[in-house]
Amino acid sequence: MNEIVLMSDSKVAAIPVAECGERLVDVRRGGSLLVDARQQGPADAFVYLRDGVLDRLLEAQAMLPRGLRLLFVEGYRPPSLQRQYFEEYADQLRAGHPEWPDGQIHSAASRYVSPPDIAPHSAGAAVDLTLADNSGRELDLGTPMNADPEESQGACYTHALNIGEEARANRKLLGSALTTADLVNYPTEWWHWSFGDRYWALITGEAAALYGPKEITPCR
């Protein structure tokens, strides 16, 4: 298995952002994607993505076998919410491992929640998603979405060995479509894919990210 680059790695933070100004759009437009409401909040921020990311999701969906769809769960996440998620998980790790220094806590937390200053979700560049049939029934991907490394015993890692053959085949199918559409996976989370952010730029060898984390007023 290749070495995993975590979001907390200094190489990710070193990638500059050349913000292109592309707007956030509602992924529900056109009704092409199945949208799950489990992350729904008062302002419906979760249903927004950068325009270019949505275009690539639709391209990926068109590559799936007949009868299968992408099931969109979460896109844009306000920086304040990202910070809350990160700090809550860091506190959880700190309680379980009081002997760990702050740097180790920060690195371990980034396996599951991106550091707020790097977070692709807060740039509208990342999406959490899975596969479903036309009725919205989720396929077996090995773990529930958002299972953390501790509770899943590492099965949340994209290339984990402790999952069944059906789940492994479904992960391969999902990954093939999304990779062909130019998205990259965060390998500690099989469901997390992004385009245009710092992590994407590092993995693909681009000189700069297209989108940076910031507060943006979504546009329909």
Protein backbone atom coordinates (compact mmCIF):
# COMPACT_ATOMS: atom_id res chain seq x y z
CA MET A 1 0.00 0.00 0.00
CA ASN A 2 1.36 3.43 -0.91
CA GLU A 3 2.23 5.85 1.86
CA ILE A 4 -0.76 8.01 2.76
CA VAL A 5 -0.33 11.77 2.72
CA LEU A 6 -2.54 13.26 5.44
CA MET A 7 -4.24 16.65 5.22
CA SER A 8 -2.03 17.81 8.12
CA ASP A 9 1.13 17.23 6.08
CA SER A 10 3.14 20.41 5.56
CA LYS A 11 3.31 19.63 1.83
CA VAL A 12 -0.44 20.23 1.59
CA ALA A 13 -0.30 23.57 3.42
CA ALA A 14 2.60 24.64 1.19
CA ILE A 15 0.42 24.50 -1.94
CA PRO A 16 -0.59 28.06 -2.91
CA VAL A 17 -4.16 28.94 -3.80
CA ALA A 18 -4.89 30.76 -7.05
CA GLU A 19 -8.56 31.39 -6.31
CA CYS A 20 -10.47 31.31 -9.59
CA GLY A 21 -13.66 32.81 -8.18
CA GLU A 22 -15.89 30.05 -9.50
CA ARG A 23 -19.31 30.14 -7.89
CA LEU A 24 -20.96 27.64 -5.60
CA VAL A 25 -24.01 25.98 -7.13
CA ASP A 26 -26.83 23.86 -5.75
CA VAL A 27 -26.27 20.22 -6.71
CA ARG A 28 -30.02 19.67 -6.78
CA ARG A 29 -30.32 21.66 -10.00
CA GLY A 30 -31.58 19.47 -12.81
CA GLY A 31 -32.32 16.58 -10.45
CA SER A 32 -29.50 14.48 -11.89
CA LEU A 33 -27.93 13.53 -8.56
CA LEU A 34 -29.57 11.66 -5.72
CA VAL A 35 -29.22 13.89 -2.64
CA ASP A 36 -29.32 12.49 0.88
CA ALA A 37 -30.49 14.84 3.65
CA ARG A 38 -28.52 13.35 6.57
CA GLN A 39 -26.20 16.41 6.71
CA GLN A 40 -28.95 18.96 6.12
CA GLY A 41 -28.71 22.12 8.19
CA PRO A 42 -30.85 25.26 8.52
CA ALA A 43 -29.21 27.00 5.54
CA ASP A 44 -28.84 23.89 3.32
CA ALA A 45 -25.14 24.76 2.87
CA PHE A 46 -24.31 21.09 2.42
CA VAL A 47 -25.88 20.92 -1.06
CA TYR A 48 -23.44 23.39 -2.64
CA LEU A 49 -20.28 22.71 -4.62
CA ARG A 50 -18.10 24.66 -6.98
CA ASP A 51 -19.51 24.56 -10.49
CA GLY A 52 -16.54 22.64 -11.88
CA VAL A 53 -16.79 19.97 -9.18
CA LEU A 54 -20.47 19.37 -9.91
CA ASP A 55 -19.74 19.07 -13.64
CA ARG A 56 -17.22 16.35 -12.88
CA LEU A 57 -19.63 14.48 -10.63
CA LEU A 58 -22.19 14.39 -13.41
CA GLU A 59 -19.48 13.15 -15.78
CA ALA A 60 -18.60 10.39 -13.30
CA GLN A 61 -22.23 9.40 -12.85
CA ALA A 62 -22.62 8.97 -16.60
CA MET A 63 -19.87 6.31 -16.47
CA LEU A 64 -21.68 4.12 -13.94
CA PRO A 65 -23.48 0.94 -15.03
CA ARG A 66 -27.18 1.21 -15.75
CA GLY A 67 -29.24 1.23 -12.57
CA LEU A 68 -26.57 2.84 -10.36
CA ARG A 69 -26.35 6.44 -9.22
CA LEU A 70 -24.08 8.61 -7.13
CA LEU A 71 -25.67 9.42 -3.78
CA PHE A 72 -24.53 12.88 -2.70
CA VAL A 73 -24.29 13.37 1.07
CA GLU A 74 -22.28 16.53 1.75
CA GLY A 75 -20.45 19.22 -0.19
CA TYR A 76 -19.75 22.72 1.12
CA ARG A 77 -19.11 23.08 4.83
CA PRO A 78 -18.74 26.54 6.42
CA PRO A 79 -15.29 27.08 8.01
CA SER A 80 -16.84 27.53 11.46
CA LEU A 81 -18.51 24.11 11.21
CA GLN A 82 -15.30 22.54 9.91
CA ARG A 83 -13.43 23.93 12.91
CA GLN A 84 -16.08 22.55 15.26
CA TYR A 85 -15.85 19.06 13.73
CA PHE A 86 -12.05 19.08 13.87
CA GLU A 87 -11.87 20.23 17.48
CA GLU A 88 -14.51 17.74 18.61
CA TYR A 89 -12.65 14.82 17.07
CA ALA A 90 -9.31 16.07 18.42
CA ASP A 91 -10.85 16.25 21.90
CA GLN A 92 -12.11 12.68 21.48
CA LEU A 93 -8.62 11.48 20.58
CA ARG A 94 -7.06 13.49 23.40
CA ALA A 95 -9.40 11.86 25.92
CA GLY A 96 -8.52 8.40 24.63
CA HIS A 97 -4.79 9.08 24.37
CA PRO A 98 -3.78 11.60 27.06
CA GLU A 99 -0.13 10.68 26.50
CA TRP A 100 -0.14 11.91 22.88
CA PRO A 101 1.49 15.32 22.25
CA ASP A 102 -0.49 18.03 20.46
CA GLY A 103 1.25 17.38 17.14
CA GLN A 104 0.27 13.74 17.18
CA ILE A 105 -3.32 14.63 18.07
CA HIS A 106 -3.44 17.10 15.17
CA SER A 107 -2.05 14.57 12.71
CA ALA A 108 -4.32 11.75 13.90
CA ALA A 109 -7.38 14.00 13.79
CA SER A 110 -6.62 14.86 10.18
CA ARG A 111 -7.17 11.24 9.15
CA TYR A 112 -10.87 11.85 9.65
CA VAL A 113 -11.47 15.63 9.68
CA SER A 114 -9.41 18.09 7.64
CA PRO A 115 -7.66 20.90 9.52
CA PRO A 116 -9.84 24.02 9.12
CA ASP A 117 -7.25 26.05 7.19
CA ILE A 118 -6.83 23.28 4.60
CA ALA A 119 -10.33 21.78 4.45
CA PRO A 120 -11.53 21.03 0.90
CA HIS A 121 -15.15 21.03 2.07
CA SER A 122 -14.85 24.67 3.14
CA ALA A 123 -13.66 25.52 -0.36
CA GLY A 124 -16.66 23.85 -1.97
CA ALA A 125 -14.15 21.50 -3.57
CA ALA A 126 -14.96 18.24 -1.78
CA VAL A 127 -17.88 15.88 -1.72
CA ASP A 128 -18.83 12.97 0.52
CA LEU A 129 -20.77 10.45 -1.50
CA THR A 130 -21.55 6.79 -2.09
CA LEU A 131 -23.25 4.51 -4.58
CA ALA A 132 -26.95 3.69 -4.67
CA ASP A 133 -29.48 2.08 -6.95
CA ASN A 134 -32.16 4.12 -8.70
CA SER A 135 -34.43 3.91 -5.66
CA GLY A 136 -31.75 5.40 -3.40
CA ARG A 137 -30.80 2.15 -1.65
CA GLU A 138 -27.13 2.36 -0.71
CA LEU A 139 -24.74 -0.32 -1.91
CA ASP A 140 -22.31 -2.11 0.38
CA LEU A 141 -19.12 -0.06 0.59
CA GLY A 142 -17.74 -1.83 3.63
CA THR A 143 -18.49 0.72 6.38
CA PRO A 144 -21.12 3.34 7.06
CA MET A 145 -20.18 6.70 5.62
CA ASN A 146 -18.25 8.82 8.13
CA ALA A 147 -17.12 5.81 10.18
CA ASP A 148 -13.94 6.92 11.91
CA PRO A 149 -10.72 4.86 11.92
CA GLU A 150 -11.23 3.75 15.52
CA GLU A 151 -14.79 2.43 15.25
CA SER A 152 -14.19 0.83 11.84
CA GLN A 153 -10.80 -0.67 12.77
CA GLY A 154 -9.37 1.08 9.74
CA ALA A 155 -11.97 -0.28 7.31
CA CYS A 156 -12.84 3.31 6.38
CA TYR A 157 -9.50 3.53 4.58
CA THR A 158 -10.17 3.29 0.86
CA HIS A 159 -7.85 0.35 0.28
CA ALA A 160 -8.55 -1.44 3.57
CA LEU A 161 -8.17 -5.20 3.48
CA ASN A 162 -10.71 -5.95 6.20
CA ILE A 163 -13.82 -5.55 4.02
CA GLY A 164 -15.77 -8.03 1.91
CA GLU A 165 -15.40 -8.71 -1.80
CA GLU A 166 -18.65 -6.94 -2.70
CA ALA A 167 -17.63 -3.78 -0.85
CA ARG A 168 -14.19 -3.88 -2.45
CA ALA A 169 -15.74 -4.18 -5.91
CA ASN A 170 -18.10 -1.28 -5.21
CA ARG A 171 -15.26 0.92 -3.99
CA LYS A 172 -13.34 0.10 -7.15
CA LEU A 173 -16.35 0.99 -9.30
CA LEU A 174 -16.90 4.28 -7.48
CA GLY A 175 -13.20 5.15 -7.60
CA SER A 176 -12.84 4.34 -11.28
CA ALA A 177 -15.67 6.70 -12.30
CA LEU A 178 -14.55 9.56 -10.05
CA THR A 179 -10.87 9.25 -10.93
CA THR A 180 -11.68 9.27 -14.64
CA ALA A 181 -13.58 12.51 -14.01
CA ASP A 182 -10.41 14.01 -12.46
CA LEU A 183 -11.37 13.89 -8.79
CA VAL A 184 -8.95 12.59 -6.16
CA ASN A 185 -9.70 10.53 -3.07
CA TYR A 186 -8.57 11.15 0.49
CA PRO A 187 -7.38 7.60 1.19
CA THR A 188 -8.42 7.46 4.84
CA GLU A 189 -12.06 8.02 3.80
CA TRP A 190 -13.44 6.01 0.89
CA TRP A 191 -16.35 8.46 0.52
CA HIS A 192 -14.33 11.72 0.31
CA TRP A 193 -13.41 13.01 -3.16
CA SER A 194 -12.29 16.44 -4.32
CA PHE A 195 -11.22 18.60 -7.21
CA GLY A 196 -9.44 21.95 -7.28
CA ASP A 197 -8.32 22.11 -3.62
CA ARG A 198 -4.80 21.99 -2.17
CA TYR A 199 -4.85 18.24 -1.61
CA TRP A 200 -5.94 17.68 -5.21
CA ALA A 201 -3.15 19.95 -6.43
CA LEU A 202 -0.52 18.04 -4.43
CA ILE A 203 -1.70 14.63 -5.59
CA THR A 204 -2.03 15.63 -9.26
CA GLY A 205 1.16 17.70 -9.40
CA GLU A 206 -0.58 21.01 -10.09
CA ALA A 207 1.29 24.16 -9.08
CA ALA A 208 -1.65 25.70 -7.22
CA ALA A 209 -5.15 25.02 -5.98
CA LEU A 210 -8.08 26.56 -7.82
CA TYR A 211 -10.30 26.95 -4.76
CA GLY A 212 -9.45 28.06 -1.24
CA PRO A 213 -11.44 27.75 2.02
CA LYS A 214 -13.50 30.85 2.75
CA GLU A 215 -16.95 32.04 3.58
CA ILE A 216 -18.94 32.18 0.38
CA THR A 217 -22.55 33.14 -0.19
CA PRO A 218 -24.00 30.26 -2.24
CA CYS A 219 -25.73 31.02 -5.54
CA ARG A 220 -28.47 28.90 -7.05
